[in-house]
C-alpha atoms as a PDB file:
ATOM      1  CA  MET A   1       0.000   0.000   0.000  1.00  0.00           C
ATOM      2  CA  GLU A   2       1.824   2.941  -1.371  1.00  0.00           C
ATOM      3  CA  ARG A   3       1.534   6.541  -0.209  1.00  0.00           C
ATOM      4  CA  GLN A   4       1.176   9.125  -2.959  1.00  0.00           C
ATOM      5  CA  MET A   5       0.413  12.832  -2.941  1.00  0.00           C
ATOM      6  CA  PRO A   6      -2.142  13.902  -5.580  1.00  0.00           C
ATOM      7  CA  ASP A   7      -2.814  17.513  -6.490  1.00  0.00           C
ATOM      8  CA  THR A   8      -6.353  17.518  -5.017  1.00  0.00           C
ATOM      9  CA  SER A   9      -5.781  16.338  -1.435  1.00  0.00           C
ATOM     10  CA  THR A  10      -4.179  18.116   1.491  1.00  0.00           C
ATOM     11  CA  PHE A  11      -3.710  14.888   3.467  1.00  0.00           C
ATOM     12  CA  TYR A  12      -3.502  11.715   1.439  1.00  0.00           C
ATOM     13  CA  HIS A  13      -3.218   8.123   2.649  1.00  0.00           C
ATOM     14  CA  GLN A  14      -4.653   5.739   0.080  1.00  0.00           C
ATOM     15  CA  ILE A  15      -5.424   2.070   0.587  1.00  0.00           C
ATOM     16  CA  LYS A  16      -6.897  -0.485  -1.798  1.00  0.00           C
ATOM     17  CA  VAL A  17      -9.953  -2.429  -0.652  1.00  0.00           C
ATOM     18  CA  SER A  18      -8.904  -5.390  -2.820  1.00  0.00           C
ATOM     19  CA  GLU A  19      -5.716  -5.746  -0.726  1.00  0.00           C
ATOM     20  CA  LEU A  20      -7.570  -6.055   2.604  1.00  0.00           C
ATOM     21  CA  GLY A  21      -7.707  -9.445   4.297  1.00  0.00           C
ATOM     22  CA  LYS A  22     -10.657 -11.085   6.052  1.00  0.00           C
ATOM     23  CA  ARG A  23      -9.633  -9.539   9.380  1.00  0.00           C
ATOM     24  CA  ALA A  24      -9.517  -5.839  10.159  1.00  0.00           C
ATOM     25  CA  SER A  25      -6.381  -4.116   8.958  1.00  0.00           C
ATOM     26  CA  GLU A  26      -4.894  -1.390  11.157  1.00  0.00           C
ATOM     27  CA  PHE A  27      -3.243   1.753   9.804  1.00  0.00           C
ATOM     28  CA  ASN A  28      -1.462   4.612  11.526  1.00  0.00           C
ATOM     29  CA  VAL A  29      -2.192   7.790   9.596  1.00  0.00           C
ATOM     30  CA  THR A  30       0.001  10.751  10.563  1.00  0.00           C
ATOM     31  CA  ALA A  31       0.184  14.103   8.817  1.00  0.00           C
ATOM     32  CA  THR A  32       3.584  15.524   7.889  1.00  0.00           C
ATOM     33  CA  SER A  33       4.361  19.137   8.819  1.00  0.00           C
ATOM     34  CA  GLU A  34       3.561  20.155   5.216  1.00  0.00           C
ATOM     35  CA  GLU A  35       0.221  18.353   5.400  1.00  0.00           C
ATOM     36  CA  CYS A  36      -0.541  20.020   8.769  1.00  0.00           C
ATOM     37  CA  THR A  37       0.168  23.419   7.193  1.00  0.00           C
ATOM     38  CA  ALA A  38      -2.093  22.612   4.227  1.00  0.00           C
ATOM     39  CA  LEU A  39      -4.884  21.378   6.532  1.00  0.00           C
ATOM     40  CA  ALA A  40      -4.601  24.522   8.688  1.00  0.00           C
ATOM     41  CA  GLU A  41      -4.987  26.648   5.567  1.00  0.00           C
ATOM     42  CA  ARG A  42      -7.874  24.500   4.290  1.00  0.00           C
ATOM     43  CA  PHE A  43      -9.804  24.809   7.550  1.00  0.00           C
ATOM     44  CA  GLY A  44      -8.890  28.427   8.335  1.00  0.00           C
ATOM     45  CA  LEU A  45      -6.875  27.589  11.456  1.00  0.00           C
ATOM     46  CA  ALA A  46      -3.935  29.518  12.883  1.00  0.00           C
ATOM     47  CA  ASP A  47      -1.879  26.311  13.195  1.00  0.00           C
ATOM     48  CA  ILE A  48      -2.017  22.542  13.367  1.00  0.00           C
ATOM     49  CA  GLY A  49       0.756  21.044  15.462  1.00  0.00           C
ATOM     50  CA  ALA A  50      -0.150  17.412  14.825  1.00  0.00           C
ATOM     51  CA  VAL A  51      -2.827  15.207  13.307  1.00  0.00           C
ATOM     52  CA  SER A  52      -2.789  11.447  13.595  1.00  0.00           C
ATOM     53  CA  ALA A  53      -5.237   8.582  13.714  1.00  0.00           C
ATOM     54  CA  THR A  54      -5.241   4.892  14.359  1.00  0.00           C
ATOM     55  CA  VAL A  55      -7.645   3.470  11.794  1.00  0.00           C
ATOM     56  CA  LYS A  56      -9.069  -0.046  11.480  1.00  0.00           C
ATOM     57  CA  VAL A  57     -10.534  -1.064   8.135  1.00  0.00           C
ATOM     58  CA  LEU A  58     -12.689  -4.163   7.746  1.00  0.00           C
ATOM     59  CA  ASP A  59     -13.816  -5.449   4.358  1.00  0.00           C
ATOM     60  CA  LEU A  60     -17.433  -6.521   4.904  1.00  0.00           C
ATOM     61  CA  PRO A  61     -18.649  -9.925   3.668  1.00  0.00           C
ATOM     62  CA  ARG A  62     -20.376 -10.337   0.286  1.00  0.00           C
ATOM     63  CA  LYS A  63     -18.721  -7.181  -1.064  1.00  0.00           C
ATOM     64  CA  GLU A  64     -21.161  -5.022   0.943  1.00  0.00           C
ATOM     65  CA  GLY A  65     -18.544  -2.390   1.612  1.00  0.00           C
ATOM     66  CA  VAL A  66     -15.946  -1.383   4.159  1.00  0.00           C
ATOM     67  CA  LYS A  67     -16.297  -0.500   7.838  1.00  0.00           C
ATOM     68  CA  ILE A  68     -13.814   2.073   9.120  1.00  0.00           C
ATOM     69  CA  THR A  69     -13.291   2.832  12.806  1.00  0.00           C
ATOM     70  CA  GLY A  70     -10.632   4.972  14.338  1.00  0.00           C
ATOM     71  CA  GLN A  71      -9.351   7.402  16.912  1.00  0.00           C
ATOM     72  CA  LEU A  72      -8.302  10.886  15.797  1.00  0.00           C
ATOM     73  CA  LYS A  73      -5.791  12.886  17.819  1.00  0.00           C
ATOM     74  CA  ALA A  74      -4.933  16.455  16.889  1.00  0.00           C
ATOM     75  CA  SER A  75      -3.368  19.595  18.339  1.00  0.00           C
ATOM     76  CA  ILE A  76      -4.813  22.653  16.645  1.00  0.00           C
ATOM     77  CA  VAL A  77      -4.877  26.410  17.185  1.00  0.00           C
ATOM     78  CA  HIS A  78      -7.955  28.430  16.237  1.00  0.00           C
ATOM     79  CA  ARG A  79      -8.457  32.171  16.220  1.00  0.00           C
ATOM     80  CA  SER A  80     -11.005  33.373  18.775  1.00  0.00           C
ATOM     81  CA  THR A  81     -14.263  34.375  17.117  1.00  0.00           C
ATOM     82  CA  ILE A  82     -14.328  37.413  19.417  1.00  0.00           C
ATOM     83  CA  SER A  83     -10.767  38.739  19.792  1.00  0.00           C
ATOM     84  CA  LEU A  84      -8.837  36.785  17.123  1.00  0.00           C
ATOM     85  CA  LYS A  85      -6.397  35.626  19.835  1.00  0.00           C
ATOM     86  CA  ASP A  86      -4.975  32.105  19.579  1.00  0.00           C
ATOM     87  CA  VAL A  87      -7.152  29.383  21.109  1.00  0.00           C
ATOM     88  CA  PRO A  88      -5.481  25.962  21.388  1.00  0.00           C
ATOM     89  CA  GLU A  89      -7.601  22.813  21.237  1.00  0.00           C
ATOM     90  CA  GLU A  90      -6.637  19.183  21.789  1.00  0.00           C
ATOM     91  CA  LEU A  91      -8.836  16.605  20.074  1.00  0.00           C
ATOM     92  CA  ASP A  92      -9.116  12.923  20.920  1.00  0.00           C
ATOM     93  CA  VAL A  93     -12.143  11.740  18.965  1.00  0.00           C
ATOM     94  CA  PRO A  94     -13.418   8.287  17.988  1.00  0.00           C
ATOM     95  CA  PHE A  95     -15.015   7.929  14.569  1.00  0.00           C
ATOM     96  CA  GLU A  96     -16.855   5.320  12.549  1.00  0.00           C
ATOM     97  CA  LEU A  97     -17.801   5.205   8.867  1.00  0.00           C
ATOM     98  CA  LEU A  98     -19.358   2.705   6.488  1.00  0.00           C
ATOM     99  CA  LEU A  99     -18.353   2.874   2.850  1.00  0.00           C
ATOM    100  CA  VAL A 100     -20.964   0.954   0.866  1.00  0.00           C
ATOM    101  CA  SER A 101     -21.866   0.456  -2.772  1.00  0.00           C
ATOM    102  CA  GLN A 102     -23.804   3.220  -4.519  1.00  0.00           C
ATOM    103  CA  GLU A 103     -26.883   0.951  -4.551  1.00  0.00           C
ATOM    104  CA  VAL A 104     -26.717   0.329  -0.786  1.00  0.00           C
ATOM    105  CA  ALA A 105     -26.098   4.042  -0.100  1.00  0.00           C
ATOM    106  CA  GLU A 106     -29.205   4.971  -2.113  1.00  0.00           C
ATOM    107  CA  ARG A 107     -31.242   2.338  -0.255  1.00  0.00           C
ATOM    108  CA  MET A 108     -30.005   3.715   3.093  1.00  0.00           C
ATOM    109  CA  ASP A 109     -30.866   7.267   1.952  1.00  0.00           C
ATOM    110  CA  ASN A 110     -34.386   6.171   1.021  1.00  0.00           C
ATOM    111  CA  ASP A 111     -35.095   4.141   4.173  1.00  0.00           C
ATOM    112  CA  GLY A 112     -34.280   7.056   6.481  1.00  0.00           C
ATOM    113  CA  THR A 113     -30.899   5.864   7.762  1.00  0.00           C
ATOM    114  CA  LEU A 114     -29.454   9.261   6.898  1.00  0.00           C
ATOM    115  CA  MET A 115     -31.802  10.937   9.394  1.00  0.00           C
ATOM    116  CA  ASP A 116     -31.258   8.420  12.215  1.00  0.00           C
ATOM    117  CA  PRO A 117     -28.990  10.091  14.823  1.00  0.00           C
ATOM    118  CA  ASP A 118     -27.922   6.679  16.153  1.00  0.00           C
ATOM    119  CA  ALA A 119     -26.968   5.225  12.771  1.00  0.00           C
ATOM    120  CA  ILE A 120     -23.349   4.974  11.736  1.00  0.00           C
ATOM    121  CA  GLU A 121     -22.230   7.563   9.179  1.00  0.00           C
ATOM    122  CA  TYR A 122     -22.015   6.170   5.666  1.00  0.00           C
ATOM    123  CA  ASP A 123     -20.958   7.166   2.185  1.00  0.00           C
ATOM    124  CA  ALA A 124     -20.724   5.542  -1.228  1.00  0.00           C
ATOM    125  CA  LEU A 125     -17.556   3.591  -1.975  1.00  0.00           C
ATOM    126  CA  GLU A 126     -16.323   4.521  -5.418  1.00  0.00           C
ATOM    127  CA  GLY A 127     -13.863   2.098  -6.915  1.00  0.00           C
ATOM    128  CA  ASP A 128     -11.171   0.184  -5.058  1.00  0.00           C
ATOM    129  CA  ASP A 129      -9.352   3.123  -3.427  1.00  0.00           C
ATOM    130  CA  VAL A 130     -10.100   4.603  -0.008  1.00  0.00           C
ATOM    131  CA  ASP A 131      -8.336   7.773   1.110  1.00  0.00           C
ATOM    132  CA  LEU A 132      -7.927   7.404   4.885  1.00  0.00           C
ATOM    133  CA  GLY A 133      -6.216  10.814   5.027  1.00  0.00           C
ATOM    134  CA  GLU A 134      -9.325  12.534   3.678  1.00  0.00           C
ATOM    135  CA  ILE A 135     -11.533  10.620   6.129  1.00  0.00           C
ATOM    136  CA  VAL A 136      -9.287  11.780   8.989  1.00  0.00           C
ATOM    137  CA  ALA A 137      -9.287  15.355   7.626  1.00  0.00           C
ATOM    138  CA  GLN A 138     -13.094  15.426   7.427  1.00  0.00           C
ATOM    139  CA  THR A 139     -13.352  13.994  10.949  1.00  0.00           C
ATOM    140  CA  LEU A 140     -11.029  16.766  12.144  1.00  0.00           C
ATOM    141  CA  SER A 141     -13.190  19.365  10.396  1.00  0.00           C
ATOM    142  CA  VAL A 142     -16.450  18.300  12.055  1.00  0.00           C
ATOM    143  CA  SER A 143     -14.872  17.655  15.477  1.00  0.00           C
ATOM    144  CA  MET A 144     -13.260  21.002  16.194  1.00  0.00           C
ATOM    145  CA  ASP A 145     -14.987  23.785  18.124  1.00  0.00           C
ATOM    146  CA  PRO A 146     -16.929  25.881  15.588  1.00  0.00           C
ATOM    147  CA  TYR A 147     -16.879  29.009  17.821  1.00  0.00           C
ATOM    148  CA  PRO A 148     -13.561  29.040  19.676  1.00  0.00           C
ATOM    149  CA  ARG A 149     -13.035  31.655  22.399  1.00  0.00           C
ATOM    150  CA  VAL A 150     -10.334  32.467  24.881  1.00  0.00           C
ATOM    151  CA  GLU A 151     -11.549  31.389  28.331  1.00  0.00           C
ATOM    152  CA  GLY A 152     -13.586  34.173  29.939  1.00  0.00           C
ATOM    153  CA  GLU A 153     -14.246  36.075  26.711  1.00  0.00           C
ATOM    154  CA  GLU A 154     -17.753  37.385  26.322  1.00  0.00           C
ATOM    155  CA  VAL A 155     -19.506  38.929  23.380  1.00  0.00           C
ATOM    156  CA  GLU A 156     -20.013  42.639  24.004  1.00  0.00           C
ATOM    157  CA  ILE A 157     -23.301  43.873  22.614  1.00  0.00           C
ATOM    158  CA  PRO A 158     -23.442  47.639  22.203  1.00  0.00           C
ATOM    159  CA  LYS A 159     -26.349  49.454  23.849  1.00  0.00           C
ATOM    160  CA  SER A 160     -29.112  50.369  21.454  1.00  0.00           C
ATOM    161  CA  LYS A 161     -32.403  52.133  21.948  1.00  0.00           C
ATOM    162  CA  HIS A 162     -34.011  49.460  19.788  1.00  0.00           C
ATOM    163  CA  PHE A 163     -32.523  46.367  21.420  1.00  0.00           C
ATOM    164  CA  THR A 164     -31.464  45.676  24.983  1.00  0.00           C
ATOM    165  CA  LEU A 165     -30.769  42.626  27.073  1.00  0.00           C
ATOM    166  CA  ASP A 166     -30.868  44.205  30.535  1.00  0.00           C
ATOM    167  CA  GLU A 167     -33.762  46.624  30.447  1.00  0.00           C
ATOM    168  CA  PRO A 168     -37.444  45.688  30.642  1.00  0.00           C
ATOM    169  CA  GLU A 169     -39.353  46.086  27.414  1.00  0.00           C
ATOM    170  CA  LEU A 170     -40.913  49.517  27.144  1.00  0.00           C
ATOM    171  CA  GLU A 171     -44.660  49.534  26.858  1.00  0.00           C
ATOM    172  CA  LYS A 172     -45.672  50.824  23.448  1.00  0.00           C
ATOM    173  CA  PRO A 173     -48.844  52.842  23.127  1.00  0.00           C
ATOM    174  CA  ASN A 174     -51.730  50.982  21.546  1.00  0.00           C
ATOM    175  CA  PRO A 175     -52.572  52.632  18.193  1.00  0.00           C
ATOM    176  CA  PHE A 176     -56.256  51.840  18.750  1.00  0.00           C
ATOM    177  CA  ALA A 177     -56.407  53.649  22.101  1.00  0.00           C
ATOM    178  CA  VAL A 178     -57.761  56.716  20.254  1.00  0.00           C
ATOM    179  CA  LEU A 179     -60.754  54.694  19.076  1.00  0.00           C
ATOM    180  CA  LYS A 180     -61.599  53.715  22.639  1.00  0.00           C
ATOM    181  CA  GLY A 181     -61.818  57.403  23.517  1.00  0.00           C
ATOM    182  CA  LEU A 182     -64.264  57.982  20.635  1.00  0.00           C
ATOM    183  CA  LYS A 183     -66.491  55.134  21.826  1.00  0.00           C
ATOM    184  CA  ASP A 184     -66.712  56.653  25.324  1.00  0.00           C
ATOM    185  CA  LYS A 185     -67.899  60.022  23.873  1.00  0.00           C
ATOM    186  CA  SER A 186     -70.845  58.563  22.009  1.00  0.00           C
END
């Protein structure tokens, strides 16, 4: 299983499904410093110190697909969404993915598996190649804090006469109050 670097991927670790045995195969996928830099740029991060994953790949019986399980570990640095200061984050995240034939993926889409929060994530397996690096990169992307902040930072909302958080809502005059006065006069 040879490691190549195509033009389209920032973190590439290809395996061939046809070369998997009957038992789960284990792979250690670790990003180089160049790949960490490319991933940081791809995801808009200040820095990525390290990204690695231990990945187990099991070829399912009857050519139904491939089951991938793993543990992602990463050291990343975001920019605070409030102050733009550096916010470090350590990730240690398990993940699971089924790669199935296009036919099975469509059947799972139609039977509601996609909407089941307890169902394992799945995607269509295209061809014989699986890019474990891209799976790890996508897991990193969905696992990191989407709104990083330095501890203790709060959003400051400027005072406005139209919107407040602290003051009670002012009572607005009823536009039909004038009509009530007319009714009383008659």
